Amino acid sequence: MNLGRGAAVLLLLSACGAVGAPSTDAALPSVVLRSDLPAWATGPGSPPRFGFWGLNGHVTPEGFADLRARFGLGIFQVASEDPGWTVGTLLPMVRAAGLQVTLRLTGDHERYTTPDGDFDLAAWKAELDRWDPAALALFIADGTLAGHMLLDDVRTFPGRAPDAATLDELARYSQSRLPGLLTYVREQATKLPKPADGRYHHLDAQVNQYEAAEGDVVAYARREAAAAHALDLGVINGLNIADGGDGSAAHAGWRADHSPMTAAEITRYGAVLADVPSCGMFLAWEYDGEERWTDGSIGADWFDAPDRQAALRALADRVAAHPPIQLRRPDPPPH
């Protein structure tokens, strides 16, 4: 991290200490923060928000109010390919509910993949060009539209995936079209391509979406925060609640050979990741009221169980206790 983005204060995460970040739920495990991991720049504004990917079946005024009351919903991520509906319906509804949203604006991979399976930069830019910057500007200015997820699953192109220079160019182009809007990609920091000079210059942030298969959560948090720091990127942490459990749920998740997280897992993993000093947003994948898991159940029903609902609400409160974090890079000085 350079000095323009924040001080490089180092912090250590230890899951067995007795002193932790503020929590509204005494049942959450405490996490000691000492000096061996980087902090990000704190600043004015609201604390990080907690939310979900998806929300199918709940994108209504009543659905937003329900999820805000039960889960402490503050933000969500959704893919939108319809500018008219997004500007005319979705964003005004999000604003009226007092929520924020981040959007993927360029569709799925097939829209910007060449016949050889390579990422197609020109096609991606053409997809973004379908959006009218003026129509989104007011929602960016008031914080309703809080981020642009440039790419999902950066490394899953069958041919050549975008390299670091290309990811930075996506961010630069997005910022030229939609000034003031946070840019990020869903890829954990240790798996992102490395820029030639070691640091990103336009991309603002990345997502660390933890699942139990990644191993010890404290080691994961330490490793990913340090890697993001080295790349000069902000941190969005999260949990793969639908498919990232350790098997103790004894229930199939979104995929038949995976498991959702239990309340105990949400509590244990979430406390560590929410307390990472550089965490500026927390997104859990996913809460979906329409999509069926492999056993035929609706995914959201698993998390509506009282113990899991309570664990997610306590996690949202813990995220809200985090100091405000500036994820977006400062605007360059005027020429």
C-alpha atoms as a PDB file:
ATOM      1  CA  MET A   1       0.000   0.000   0.000  1.00  0.00           C
ATOM      2  CA  ASN A   2       1.342   3.427  -0.758  1.00  0.00           C
ATOM      3  CA  LEU A   3       1.204   6.271   1.722  1.00  0.00           C
ATOM      4  CA  GLY A   4      -1.558   7.972  -0.278  1.00  0.00           C
ATOM      5  CA  ARG A   5      -3.987   5.157   0.577  1.00  0.00           C
ATOM      6  CA  GLY A   6      -3.255   4.576   4.247  1.00  0.00           C
ATOM      7  CA  ALA A   7      -0.666   3.819   6.859  1.00  0.00           C
ATOM      8  CA  ALA A   8       0.943   0.391   6.767  1.00  0.00           C
ATOM      9  CA  VAL A   9       0.095  -0.548  10.354  1.00  0.00           C
ATOM     10  CA  LEU A  10       0.640  -4.275  10.871  1.00  0.00           C
ATOM     11  CA  LEU A  11      -1.789  -6.479  12.772  1.00  0.00           C
ATOM     12  CA  LEU A  12      -1.838 -10.071  13.996  1.00  0.00           C
ATOM     13  CA  LEU A  13      -4.998 -12.156  14.132  1.00  0.00           C
ATOM     14  CA  SER A  14      -5.175 -14.757  16.878  1.00  0.00           C
ATOM     15  CA  ALA A  15      -8.370 -16.725  17.378  1.00  0.00           C
ATOM     16  CA  CYS A  16      -7.705 -17.721  20.970  1.00  0.00           C
ATOM     17  CA  GLY A  17      -7.306 -14.365  22.698  1.00  0.00           C
ATOM     18  CA  ALA A  18      -9.614 -12.728  25.147  1.00  0.00           C
ATOM     19  CA  VAL A  19      -9.786  -9.224  23.728  1.00  0.00           C
ATOM     20  CA  GLY A  20     -11.535  -8.477  20.455  1.00  0.00           C
ATOM     21  CA  ALA A  21     -13.212  -5.948  18.255  1.00  0.00           C
ATOM     22  CA  PRO A  22     -16.520  -4.645  19.571  1.00  0.00           C
ATOM     23  CA  SER A  23     -19.359  -7.131  19.223  1.00  0.00           C
ATOM     24  CA  THR A  24     -23.064  -6.846  19.837  1.00  0.00           C
ATOM     25  CA  ASP A  25     -23.267 -10.579  20.522  1.00  0.00           C
ATOM     26  CA  ALA A  26     -21.240 -12.016  23.390  1.00  0.00           C
ATOM     27  CA  ALA A  27     -21.446 -15.484  21.794  1.00  0.00           C
ATOM     28  CA  LEU A  28     -19.140 -14.440  18.957  1.00  0.00           C
ATOM     29  CA  PRO A  29     -15.572 -15.621  19.504  1.00  0.00           C
ATOM     30  CA  SER A  30     -13.191 -12.840  20.288  1.00  0.00           C
ATOM     31  CA  VAL A  31     -10.280 -12.098  18.003  1.00  0.00           C
ATOM     32  CA  VAL A  32      -7.103 -10.431  19.188  1.00  0.00           C
ATOM     33  CA  LEU A  33      -5.670  -7.811  16.856  1.00  0.00           C
ATOM     34  CA  ARG A  34      -1.962  -7.099  17.275  1.00  0.00           C
ATOM     35  CA  SER A  35       0.655  -5.835  14.873  1.00  0.00           C
ATOM     36  CA  ASP A  36       1.455  -8.073  11.916  1.00  0.00           C
ATOM     37  CA  LEU A  37      -1.204  -7.464   9.269  1.00  0.00           C
ATOM     38  CA  PRO A  38      -1.819  -4.293   7.296  1.00  0.00           C
ATOM     39  CA  ALA A  39      -4.596  -1.896   8.104  1.00  0.00           C
ATOM     40  CA  TRP A  40      -6.300   0.062   5.348  1.00  0.00           C
ATOM     41  CA  ALA A  41      -6.972   3.773   5.385  1.00  0.00           C
ATOM     42  CA  THR A  42      -9.739   4.754   7.766  1.00  0.00           C
ATOM     43  CA  GLY A  43     -11.676   7.878   7.097  1.00  0.00           C
ATOM     44  CA  PRO A  44     -15.020   9.659   7.229  1.00  0.00           C
ATOM     45  CA  GLY A  45     -18.167   7.861   6.278  1.00  0.00           C
ATOM     46  CA  SER A  46     -20.166   4.861   7.365  1.00  0.00           C
ATOM     47  CA  PRO A  47     -18.710   1.605   8.707  1.00  0.00           C
ATOM     48  CA  PRO A  48     -18.491  -1.361   6.322  1.00  0.00           C
ATOM     49  CA  ARG A  49     -21.798  -2.900   5.367  1.00  0.00           C
ATOM     50  CA  PHE A  50     -22.853  -6.540   5.481  1.00  0.00           C
ATOM     51  CA  GLY A  51     -24.882  -8.225   2.788  1.00  0.00           C
ATOM     52  CA  PHE A  52     -25.361 -11.028   0.311  1.00  0.00           C
ATOM     53  CA  TRP A  53     -24.871 -11.969  -3.291  1.00  0.00           C
ATOM     54  CA  GLY A  54     -28.109 -12.658  -5.096  1.00  0.00           C
ATOM     55  CA  LEU A  55     -31.407 -11.942  -3.272  1.00  0.00           C
ATOM     56  CA  ASN A  56     -33.555 -13.493  -6.013  1.00  0.00           C
ATOM     57  CA  GLY A  57     -37.140 -13.492  -4.808  1.00  0.00           C
ATOM     58  CA  HIS A  58     -36.476 -10.641  -2.377  1.00  0.00           C
ATOM     59  CA  VAL A  59     -35.855  -7.655  -4.664  1.00  0.00           C
ATOM     60  CA  THR A  60     -38.995  -5.813  -3.615  1.00  0.00           C
ATOM     61  CA  PRO A  61     -39.632  -3.116  -1.010  1.00  0.00           C
ATOM     62  CA  GLU A  62     -41.121  -5.762   1.274  1.00  0.00           C
ATOM     63  CA  GLY A  63     -38.229  -8.154   0.661  1.00  0.00           C
ATOM     64  CA  PHE A  64     -35.629  -5.502   1.412  1.00  0.00           C
ATOM     65  CA  ALA A  65     -37.401  -4.502   4.631  1.00  0.00           C
ATOM     66  CA  ASP A  66     -37.613  -8.133   5.736  1.00  0.00           C
ATOM     67  CA  LEU A  67     -33.925  -8.886   5.113  1.00  0.00           C
ATOM     68  CA  ARG A  68     -32.840  -5.650   6.731  1.00  0.00           C
ATOM     69  CA  ALA A  69     -34.832  -6.506   9.857  1.00  0.00           C
ATOM     70  CA  ARG A  70     -33.816 -10.168  10.104  1.00  0.00           C
ATOM     71  CA  PHE A  71     -30.228 -10.133   8.810  1.00  0.00           C
ATOM     72  CA  GLY A  72     -29.028  -6.552   9.142  1.00  0.00           C
ATOM     73  CA  LEU A  73     -28.790  -6.272   5.347  1.00  0.00           C
ATOM     74  CA  GLY A  74     -26.970  -3.123   4.292  1.00  0.00           C
ATOM     75  CA  ILE A  75     -25.675  -3.943   0.818  1.00  0.00           C
ATOM     76  CA  PHE A  76     -25.968  -6.635  -1.836  1.00  0.00           C
ATOM     77  CA  GLN A  77     -24.363  -7.615  -5.114  1.00  0.00           C
ATOM     78  CA  VAL A  78     -26.372  -8.524  -8.182  1.00  0.00           C
ATOM     79  CA  ALA A  79     -25.750  -8.897 -11.908  1.00  0.00           C
ATOM     80  CA  SER A  80     -27.903  -6.652 -14.077  1.00  0.00           C
ATOM     81  CA  GLU A  81     -28.014  -6.618 -17.852  1.00  0.00           C
ATOM     82  CA  ASP A  82     -31.056  -4.346 -18.264  1.00  0.00           C
ATOM     83  CA  PRO A  83     -30.165  -0.645 -17.998  1.00  0.00           C
ATOM     84  CA  GLY A  84     -33.780   0.493 -18.204  1.00  0.00           C
ATOM     85  CA  TRP A  85     -35.006  -1.677 -15.316  1.00  0.00           C
ATOM     86  CA  THR A  86     -31.904  -1.010 -13.249  1.00  0.00           C
ATOM     87  CA  VAL A  87     -32.131   2.779 -13.513  1.00  0.00           C
ATOM     88  CA  GLY A  88     -35.908   3.033 -13.502  1.00  0.00           C
ATOM     89  CA  THR A  89     -36.807   0.410 -10.903  1.00  0.00           C
ATOM     90  CA  LEU A  90     -33.968  -1.308  -9.053  1.00  0.00           C
ATOM     91  CA  LEU A  91     -31.838   1.656  -8.002  1.00  0.00           C
ATOM     92  CA  PRO A  92     -34.760   3.836  -6.864  1.00  0.00           C
ATOM     93  CA  MET A  93     -36.061   0.853  -4.844  1.00  0.00           C
ATOM     94  CA  VAL A  94     -32.646   0.314  -3.228  1.00  0.00           C
ATOM     95  CA  ARG A  95     -32.405   4.018  -2.405  1.00  0.00           C
ATOM     96  CA  ALA A  96     -35.883   4.089  -0.865  1.00  0.00           C
ATOM     97  CA  ALA A  97     -34.982   1.098   1.319  1.00  0.00           C
ATOM     98  CA  GLY A  98     -31.864   2.842   2.649  1.00  0.00           C
ATOM     99  CA  LEU A  99     -29.626   0.138   1.177  1.00  0.00           C
ATOM    100  CA  GLN A 100     -26.666   0.027  -1.172  1.00  0.00           C
ATOM    101  CA  VAL A 101     -25.954  -2.235  -4.122  1.00  0.00           C
ATOM    102  CA  THR A 102     -22.952  -3.190  -6.196  1.00  0.00           C
ATOM    103  CA  LEU A 103     -23.596  -4.271  -9.762  1.00  0.00           C
ATOM    104  CA  ARG A 104     -21.988  -6.407 -12.402  1.00  0.00           C
ATOM    105  CA  LEU A 105     -22.882  -4.434 -15.516  1.00  0.00           C
ATOM    106  CA  THR A 106     -21.321  -6.418 -18.359  1.00  0.00           C
ATOM    107  CA  GLY A 107     -23.124  -9.759 -18.281  1.00  0.00           C
ATOM    108  CA  ASP A 108     -21.711 -13.261 -18.073  1.00  0.00           C
ATOM    109  CA  HIS A 109     -18.421 -14.504 -19.476  1.00  0.00           C
ATOM    110  CA  GLU A 110     -19.864 -15.586 -22.826  1.00  0.00           C
ATOM    111  CA  ARG A 111     -20.448 -11.939 -23.733  1.00  0.00           C
ATOM    112  CA  TYR A 112     -16.724 -11.190 -23.707  1.00  0.00           C
ATOM    113  CA  THR A 113     -15.075 -14.489 -24.557  1.00  0.00           C
ATOM    114  CA  THR A 114     -13.519 -15.074 -27.983  1.00  0.00           C
ATOM    115  CA  PRO A 115     -14.205 -18.272 -29.969  1.00  0.00           C
ATOM    116  CA  ASP A 116     -10.844 -19.502 -28.671  1.00  0.00           C
ATOM    117  CA  GLY A 117     -11.966 -19.020 -25.076  1.00  0.00           C
ATOM    118  CA  ASP A 118      -9.876 -15.914 -24.367  1.00  0.00           C
ATOM    119  CA  PHE A 119     -11.078 -12.864 -22.476  1.00  0.00           C
ATOM    120  CA  ASP A 120     -12.078 -10.161 -24.992  1.00  0.00           C
ATOM    121  CA  LEU A 121     -11.338  -6.673 -23.669  1.00  0.00           C
ATOM    122  CA  ALA A 122     -13.033  -4.834 -26.544  1.00  0.00           C
ATOM    123  CA  ALA A 123     -16.227  -6.864 -26.100  1.00  0.00           C
ATOM    124  CA  TRP A 124     -16.236  -6.184 -22.360  1.00  0.00           C
ATOM    125  CA  LYS A 125     -15.920  -2.451 -22.987  1.00  0.00           C
ATOM    126  CA  ALA A 126     -18.752  -2.619 -25.533  1.00  0.00           C
ATOM    127  CA  GLU A 127     -20.988  -4.207 -22.888  1.00  0.00           C
ATOM    128  CA  LEU A 128     -20.213  -1.404 -20.435  1.00  0.00           C
ATOM    129  CA  ASP A 129     -20.870   1.190 -23.139  1.00  0.00           C
ATOM    130  CA  ARG A 130     -24.540   0.135 -23.182  1.00  0.00           C
ATOM    131  CA  TRP A 131     -24.971   1.976 -19.861  1.00  0.00           C
ATOM    132  CA  ASP A 132     -25.645   5.725 -19.802  1.00  0.00           C
ATOM    133  CA  PRO A 133     -23.235   7.327 -17.299  1.00  0.00           C
ATOM    134  CA  ALA A 134     -25.577  10.253 -16.707  1.00  0.00           C
ATOM    135  CA  ALA A 135     -28.394   7.905 -15.690  1.00  0.00           C
ATOM    136  CA  LEU A 136     -26.201   6.274 -13.030  1.00  0.00           C
ATOM    137  CA  ALA A 137     -24.435   9.412 -11.800  1.00  0.00           C
ATOM    138  CA  LEU A 138     -27.022  10.472  -9.199  1.00  0.00           C
ATOM    139  CA  PHE A 139     -27.085   6.992  -7.695  1.00  0.00           C
ATOM    140  CA  ILE A 140     -23.287   6.977  -7.511  1.00  0.00           C
ATOM    141  CA  ALA A 141     -23.263  10.428  -5.927  1.00  0.00           C
ATOM    142  CA  ASP A 142     -25.643   9.493  -3.106  1.00  0.00           C
ATOM    143  CA  GLY A 143     -24.019   6.107  -2.466  1.00  0.00           C
ATOM    144  CA  THR A 144     -26.948   3.941  -3.581  1.00  0.00           C
ATOM    145  CA  LEU A 145     -24.758   2.423  -6.299  1.00  0.00           C
ATOM    146  CA  ALA A 146     -21.714   1.584  -4.220  1.00  0.00           C
ATOM    147  CA  GLY A 147     -19.561  -0.478  -6.554  1.00  0.00           C
ATOM    148  CA  HIS A 148     -18.963  -2.017  -9.951  1.00  0.00           C
ATOM    149  CA  MET A 149     -17.921  -5.661  -9.923  1.00  0.00           C
ATOM    150  CA  LEU A 150     -15.846  -5.727 -13.081  1.00  0.00           C
ATOM    151  CA  LEU A 151     -15.485  -9.490 -13.344  1.00  0.00           C
ATOM    152  CA  ASP A 152     -16.701 -12.555 -11.510  1.00  0.00           C
ATOM    153  CA  ASP A 153     -14.411 -15.615 -11.345  1.00  0.00           C
ATOM    154  CA  VAL A 154     -11.403 -14.013 -12.998  1.00  0.00           C
ATOM    155  CA  ARG A 155      -9.569 -17.281 -13.706  1.00  0.00           C
ATOM    156  CA  THR A 156     -12.380 -19.370 -15.232  1.00  0.00           C
ATOM    157  CA  PHE A 157     -12.001 -18.460 -18.912  1.00  0.00           C
ATOM    158  CA  PRO A 158     -11.292 -21.635 -20.924  1.00  0.00           C
ATOM    159  CA  GLY A 159      -8.524 -19.878 -22.828  1.00  0.00           C
ATOM    160  CA  ARG A 160      -6.466 -16.868 -21.760  1.00  0.00           C
ATOM    161  CA  ALA A 161      -7.756 -15.113 -18.653  1.00  0.00           C
ATOM    162  CA  PRO A 162      -7.180 -11.366 -18.153  1.00  0.00           C
ATOM    163  CA  ASP A 163      -3.753 -10.485 -16.783  1.00  0.00           C
ATOM    164  CA  ALA A 164      -3.059  -7.774 -14.218  1.00  0.00           C
ATOM    165  CA  ALA A 165      -2.635  -5.026 -16.817  1.00  0.00           C
ATOM    166  CA  THR A 166      -6.001  -5.947 -18.327  1.00  0.00           C
ATOM    167  CA  LEU A 167      -7.747  -5.929 -14.941  1.00  0.00           C
ATOM    168  CA  ASP A 168      -6.300  -2.500 -14.273  1.00  0.00           C
ATOM    169  CA  GLU A 169      -7.521  -1.361 -17.685  1.00  0.00           C
ATOM    170  CA  LEU A 170     -11.038  -2.585 -16.877  1.00  0.00           C
ATOM    171  CA  ALA A 171     -10.953  -0.472 -13.725  1.00  0.00           C
ATOM    172  CA  ARG A 172      -9.529   2.544 -15.548  1.00  0.00           C
ATOM    173  CA  TYR A 173     -12.205   2.309 -18.245  1.00  0.00           C
ATOM    174  CA  SER A 174     -14.997   1.878 -15.696  1.00  0.00           C
ATOM    175  CA  GLN A 175     -13.766   4.905 -13.762  1.00  0.00           C
ATOM    176  CA  SER A 176     -13.613   6.967 -16.956  1.00  0.00           C
ATOM    177  CA  ARG A 177     -17.244   6.102 -17.695  1.00  0.00           C
ATOM    178  CA  LEU A 178     -18.552   6.054 -14.113  1.00  0.00           C
ATOM    179  CA  PRO A 179     -16.391   8.395 -12.044  1.00  0.00           C
ATOM    180  CA  GLY A 180     -16.597   8.031  -8.294  1.00  0.00           C
ATOM    181  CA  LEU A 181     -17.651   4.368  -8.405  1.00  0.00           C
ATOM    182  CA  LEU A 182     -15.640   1.687  -6.576  1.00  0.00           C
ATOM    183  CA  THR A 183     -14.224  -1.033  -8.836  1.00  0.00           C
ATOM    184  CA  TYR A 184     -13.524  -4.586  -7.727  1.00  0.00           C
ATOM    185  CA  VAL A 185     -13.195  -8.170  -8.919  1.00  0.00           C
ATOM    186  CA  ARG A 186     -14.227 -11.409  -7.239  1.00  0.00           C
ATOM    187  CA  GLU A 187     -10.903 -13.158  -6.763  1.00  0.00           C
ATOM    188  CA  GLN A 188      -8.921 -13.722  -3.607  1.00  0.00           C
ATOM    189  CA  ALA A 189      -5.763 -11.683  -3.352  1.00  0.00           C
ATOM    190  CA  THR A 190      -3.267 -14.561  -3.458  1.00  0.00           C
ATOM    191  CA  LYS A 191      -4.754 -15.807  -6.755  1.00  0.00           C
ATOM    192  CA  LEU A 192      -4.842 -12.489  -8.598  1.00  0.00           C
ATOM    193  CA  PRO A 193      -2.315 -11.953 -11.392  1.00  0.00           C
ATOM    194  CA  LYS A 194       0.658  -9.850 -10.307  1.00  0.00           C
ATOM    195  CA  PRO A 195       1.252  -6.495 -12.031  1.00  0.00           C
ATOM    196  CA  ALA A 196       4.662  -5.901 -13.575  1.00  0.00           C
ATOM    197  CA  ASP A 197       5.585  -3.388 -10.869  1.00  0.00           C
ATOM    198  CA  GLY A 198       3.862  -5.377  -8.124  1.00  0.00           C
ATOM    199  CA  ARG A 199       0.914  -3.014  -7.545  1.00  0.00           C
ATOM    200  CA  TYR A 200      -2.423  -2.211  -9.115  1.00  0.00           C
ATOM    201  CA  HIS A 201      -2.980   1.434 -10.010  1.00  0.00           C
ATOM    202  CA  HIS A 202      -6.685   1.625 -10.956  1.00  0.00           C
ATOM    203  CA  LEU A 203      -8.436  -1.444  -9.542  1.00  0.00           C
ATOM    204  CA  ASP A 204      -9.720  -0.581  -6.063  1.00  0.00           C
ATOM    205  CA  ALA A 205     -10.470  -3.848  -4.315  1.00  0.00           C
ATOM    206  CA  GLN A 206     -10.856  -7.621  -4.451  1.00  0.00           C
ATOM    207  CA  VAL A 207     -12.977 -10.277  -2.718  1.00  0.00           C
ATOM    208  CA  ASN A 208     -11.772 -12.977  -0.319  1.00  0.00           C
ATOM    209  CA  GLN A 209     -14.673 -15.426  -0.117  1.00  0.00           C
ATOM    210  CA  TYR A 210     -13.699 -17.988   2.505  1.00  0.00           C
ATOM    211  CA  GLU A 211     -14.707 -21.641   2.545  1.00  0.00           C
ATOM    212  CA  ALA A 212     -13.588 -24.344   4.949  1.00  0.00           C
ATOM    213  CA  ALA A 213     -11.556 -26.117   2.230  1.00  0.00           C
ATOM    214  CA  GLU A 214      -9.144 -23.152   2.345  1.00  0.00           C
ATOM    215  CA  GLY A 215      -7.907 -24.350   5.747  1.00  0.00           C
ATOM    216  CA  ASP A 216      -7.488 -22.442   8.985  1.00  0.00           C
ATOM    217  CA  VAL A 217      -9.495 -19.224   8.790  1.00  0.00           C
ATOM    218  CA  VAL A 218      -6.993 -17.157  10.779  1.00  0.00           C
ATOM    219  CA  ALA A 219      -4.142 -18.188   8.472  1.00  0.00           C
ATOM    220  CA  TYR A 220      -6.381 -17.455   5.480  1.00  0.00           C
ATOM    221  CA  ALA A 221      -7.296 -14.001   6.775  1.00  0.00           C
ATOM    222  CA  ARG A 222      -3.657 -13.181   7.463  1.00  0.00           C
ATOM    223  CA  ARG A 223      -2.472 -14.463   4.077  1.00  0.00           C
ATOM    224  CA  GLU A 224      -5.115 -12.731   1.966  1.00  0.00           C
ATOM    225  CA  ALA A 225      -4.939  -9.384   3.781  1.00  0.00           C
ATOM    226  CA  ALA A 226      -1.146  -9.343   3.414  1.00  0.00           C
ATOM    227  CA  ALA A 227      -1.391 -10.197  -0.295  1.00  0.00           C
ATOM    228  CA  ALA A 228      -3.971  -7.445  -0.885  1.00  0.00           C
ATOM    229  CA  HIS A 229      -1.711  -5.005   0.954  1.00  0.00           C
ATOM    230  CA  ALA A 230       1.220  -5.946  -1.291  1.00  0.00           C
ATOM    231  CA  LEU A 231      -0.938  -5.402  -4.402  1.00  0.00           C
ATOM    232  CA  ASP A 232      -2.262  -2.056  -3.063  1.00  0.00           C
ATOM    233  CA  LEU A 233      -5.850  -3.303  -3.091  1.00  0.00           C
ATOM    234  CA  GLY A 234      -8.700  -2.882  -0.673  1.00  0.00           C
ATOM    235  CA  VAL A 235     -10.332  -5.924   0.922  1.00  0.00           C
ATOM    236  CA  ILE A 236     -13.914  -7.151   0.638  1.00  0.00           C
ATOM    237  CA  ASN A 237     -14.252 -10.235   2.809  1.00  0.00           C
ATOM    238  CA  GLY A 238     -17.001 -12.797   2.753  1.00  0.00           C
ATOM    239  CA  LEU A 239     -18.139 -16.361   3.298  1.00  0.00           C
ATOM    240  CA  ASN A 240     -19.286 -19.050   0.891  1.00  0.00           C
ATOM    241  CA  ILE A 241     -22.221 -19.888   3.144  1.00  0.00           C
ATOM    242  CA  ALA A 242     -24.035 -21.977   0.514  1.00  0.00           C
ATOM    243  CA  ASP A 243     -21.187 -24.297  -0.477  1.00  0.00           C
ATOM    244  CA  GLY A 244     -18.209 -23.664   1.782  1.00  0.00           C
ATOM    245  CA  GLY A 245     -18.970 -25.569   4.957  1.00  0.00           C
ATOM    246  CA  ASP A 246     -16.804 -28.226   6.592  1.00  0.00           C
ATOM    247  CA  GLY A 247     -19.417 -30.981   6.273  1.00  0.00           C
ATOM    248  CA  SER A 248     -20.728 -30.696   9.822  1.00  0.00           C
ATOM    249  CA  ALA A 249     -24.107 -29.543   8.431  1.00  0.00           C
ATOM    250  CA  ALA A 250     -24.708 -33.120   7.131  1.00  0.00           C
ATOM    251  CA  HIS A 251     -26.643 -31.502   4.271  1.00  0.00           C
ATOM    252  CA  ALA A 252     -25.842 -30.963   0.600  1.00  0.00           C
ATOM    253  CA  GLY A 253     -25.235 -27.389  -0.439  1.00  0.00           C
ATOM    254  CA  TRP A 254     -25.616 -25.649  -3.772  1.00  0.00           C
ATOM    255  CA  ARG A 255     -23.525 -28.490  -5.200  1.00  0.00           C
ATOM    256  CA  ALA A 256     -24.166 -32.099  -4.229  1.00  0.00           C
ATOM    257  CA  ASP A 257     -20.599 -32.738  -3.062  1.00  0.00           C
ATOM    258  CA  HIS A 258     -20.387 -29.567  -0.978  1.00  0.00           C
ATOM    259  CA  SER A 259     -21.940 -28.480   2.287  1.00  0.00           C
ATOM    260  CA  PRO A 260     -23.520 -25.238   3.505  1.00  0.00           C
ATOM    261  CA  MET A 261     -22.236 -23.545   6.637  1.00  0.00           C
ATOM    262  CA  THR A 262     -23.755 -24.154  10.042  1.00  0.00           C
ATOM    263  CA  ALA A 263     -24.477 -21.394  12.533  1.00  0.00           C
ATOM    264  CA  ALA A 264     -21.294 -22.291  14.407  1.00  0.00           C
ATOM    265  CA  GLU A 265     -19.220 -21.985  11.231  1.00  0.00           C
ATOM    266  CA  ILE A 266     -20.775 -18.650  10.269  1.00  0.00           C
ATOM    267  CA  THR A 267     -19.999 -17.374  13.750  1.00  0.00           C
ATOM    268  CA  ARG A 268     -16.421 -18.687  13.918  1.00  0.00           C
ATOM    269  CA  TYR A 269     -15.256 -17.847  10.403  1.00  0.00           C
ATOM    270  CA  GLY A 270     -17.209 -14.612  10.175  1.00  0.00           C
ATOM    271  CA  ALA A 271     -15.744 -13.165  13.366  1.00  0.00           C
ATOM    272  CA  VAL A 272     -12.190 -13.569  12.081  1.00  0.00           C
ATOM    273  CA  LEU A 273     -12.867 -12.141   8.636  1.00  0.00           C
ATOM    274  CA  ALA A 274     -15.020  -9.251   9.880  1.00  0.00           C
ATOM    275  CA  ASP A 275     -12.246  -8.161  12.253  1.00  0.00           C
ATOM    276  CA  VAL A 276      -9.557  -7.919   9.561  1.00  0.00           C
ATOM    277  CA  PRO A 277      -8.552  -4.248   9.859  1.00  0.00           C
ATOM    278  CA  SER A 278      -8.586  -3.629   6.098  1.00  0.00           C
ATOM    279  CA  CYS A 279     -12.047  -5.179   5.545  1.00  0.00           C
ATOM    280  CA  GLY A 280     -14.240  -2.515   3.965  1.00  0.00           C
ATOM    281  CA  MET A 281     -17.280  -4.613   2.989  1.00  0.00           C
ATOM    282  CA  PHE A 282     -18.599  -8.097   3.787  1.00  0.00           C
ATOM    283  CA  LEU A 283     -20.586 -10.164   1.269  1.00  0.00           C
ATOM    284  CA  ALA A 284     -21.886 -13.699   1.868  1.00  0.00           C
ATOM    285  CA  TRP A 285     -22.612 -16.011  -1.080  1.00  0.00           C
ATOM    286  CA  GLU A 286     -25.492 -16.458  -1.325  1.00  0.00           C
ATOM    287  CA  TYR A 287     -29.026 -15.845  -0.088  1.00  0.00           C
ATOM    288  CA  ASP A 288     -31.416 -16.815  -2.880  1.00  0.00           C
ATOM    289  CA  GLY A 289     -35.152 -17.288  -2.503  1.00  0.00           C
ATOM    290  CA  GLU A 290     -35.640 -18.945  -5.894  1.00  0.00           C
ATOM    291  CA  GLU A 291     -32.605 -21.073  -6.720  1.00  0.00           C
ATOM    292  CA  ARG A 292     -32.874 -24.747  -5.788  1.00  0.00           C
ATOM    293  CA  TRP A 293     -29.998 -26.659  -4.300  1.00  0.00           C
ATOM    294  CA  THR A 294     -29.162 -30.157  -5.484  1.00  0.00           C
ATOM    295  CA  ASP A 295     -31.578 -31.782  -3.016  1.00  0.00           C
ATOM    296  CA  GLY A 296     -34.446 -29.668  -4.372  1.00  0.00           C
ATOM    297  CA  SER A 297     -34.634 -27.288  -1.415  1.00  0.00           C
ATOM    298  CA  ILE A 298     -34.603 -23.499  -1.769  1.00  0.00           C
ATOM    299  CA  GLY A 299     -31.227 -22.131  -0.699  1.00  0.00           C
ATOM    300  CA  ALA A 300     -32.596 -19.279   1.411  1.00  0.00           C
ATOM    301  CA  ASP A 301     -34.609 -21.725   3.527  1.00  0.00           C
ATOM    302  CA  TRP A 302     -31.400 -23.144   5.037  1.00  0.00           C
ATOM    303  CA  PHE A 303     -30.418 -19.717   6.356  1.00  0.00           C
ATOM    304  CA  ASP A 304     -33.912 -18.888   7.605  1.00  0.00           C
ATOM    305  CA  ALA A 305     -33.497 -21.467  10.388  1.00  0.00           C
ATOM    306  CA  PRO A 306     -33.414 -19.543  13.699  1.00  0.00           C
ATOM    307  CA  ASP A 307     -29.831 -20.422  14.651  1.00  0.00           C
ATOM    308  CA  ARG A 308     -28.340 -19.588  11.267  1.00  0.00           C
ATOM    309  CA  GLN A 309     -30.415 -16.430  10.951  1.00  0.00           C
ATOM    310  CA  ALA A 310     -29.186 -15.307  14.373  1.00  0.00           C
ATOM    311  CA  ALA A 311     -25.574 -16.063  13.463  1.00  0.00           C
ATOM    312  CA  LEU A 312     -25.815 -13.998  10.276  1.00  0.00           C
ATOM    313  CA  ARG A 313     -27.471 -11.107  12.123  1.00  0.00           C
ATOM    314  CA  ALA A 314     -24.741 -11.140  14.784  1.00  0.00           C
ATOM    315  CA  LEU A 315     -22.134 -11.140  12.017  1.00  0.00           C
ATOM    316  CA  ALA A 316     -23.808  -8.116  10.399  1.00  0.00           C
ATOM    317  CA  ASP A 317     -23.643  -6.293  13.726  1.00  0.00           C
ATOM    318  CA  ARG A 318     -19.974  -7.168  14.070  1.00  0.00           C
ATOM    319  CA  VAL A 319     -19.230  -5.816  10.595  1.00  0.00           C
ATOM    320  CA  ALA A 320     -21.079  -2.609  11.496  1.00  0.00           C
ATOM    321  CA  ALA A 321     -18.786  -2.180  14.526  1.00  0.00           C
ATOM    322  CA  HIS A 322     -15.714  -1.995  12.260  1.00  0.00           C
ATOM    323  CA  PRO A 323     -14.179   1.466  11.758  1.00  0.00           C
ATOM    324  CA  PRO A 324     -15.013   3.131   8.421  1.00  0.00           C
ATOM    325  CA  ILE A 325     -12.683   2.006   5.630  1.00  0.00           C
ATOM    326  CA  GLN A 326     -11.971   3.828   2.371  1.00  0.00           C
ATOM    327  CA  LEU A 327     -11.946   1.127  -0.300  1.00  0.00           C
ATOM    328  CA  ARG A 328     -11.938   3.424  -3.320  1.00  0.00           C
ATOM    329  CA  ARG A 329      -8.697   5.045  -4.354  1.00  0.00           C
ATOM    330  CA  PRO A 330      -8.508   8.818  -3.971  1.00  0.00           C
ATOM    331  CA  ASP A 331      -9.351  10.746  -7.116  1.00  0.00           C
ATOM    332  CA  PRO A 332      -6.225  11.878  -8.954  1.00  0.00           C
ATOM    333  CA  PRO A 333      -5.375  15.555  -8.550  1.00  0.00           C
ATOM    334  CA  PRO A 334      -6.667  17.816 -11.335  1.00  0.00           C
ATOM    335  CA  HIS A 335      -4.199  18.642 -14.065  1.00  0.00           C
END
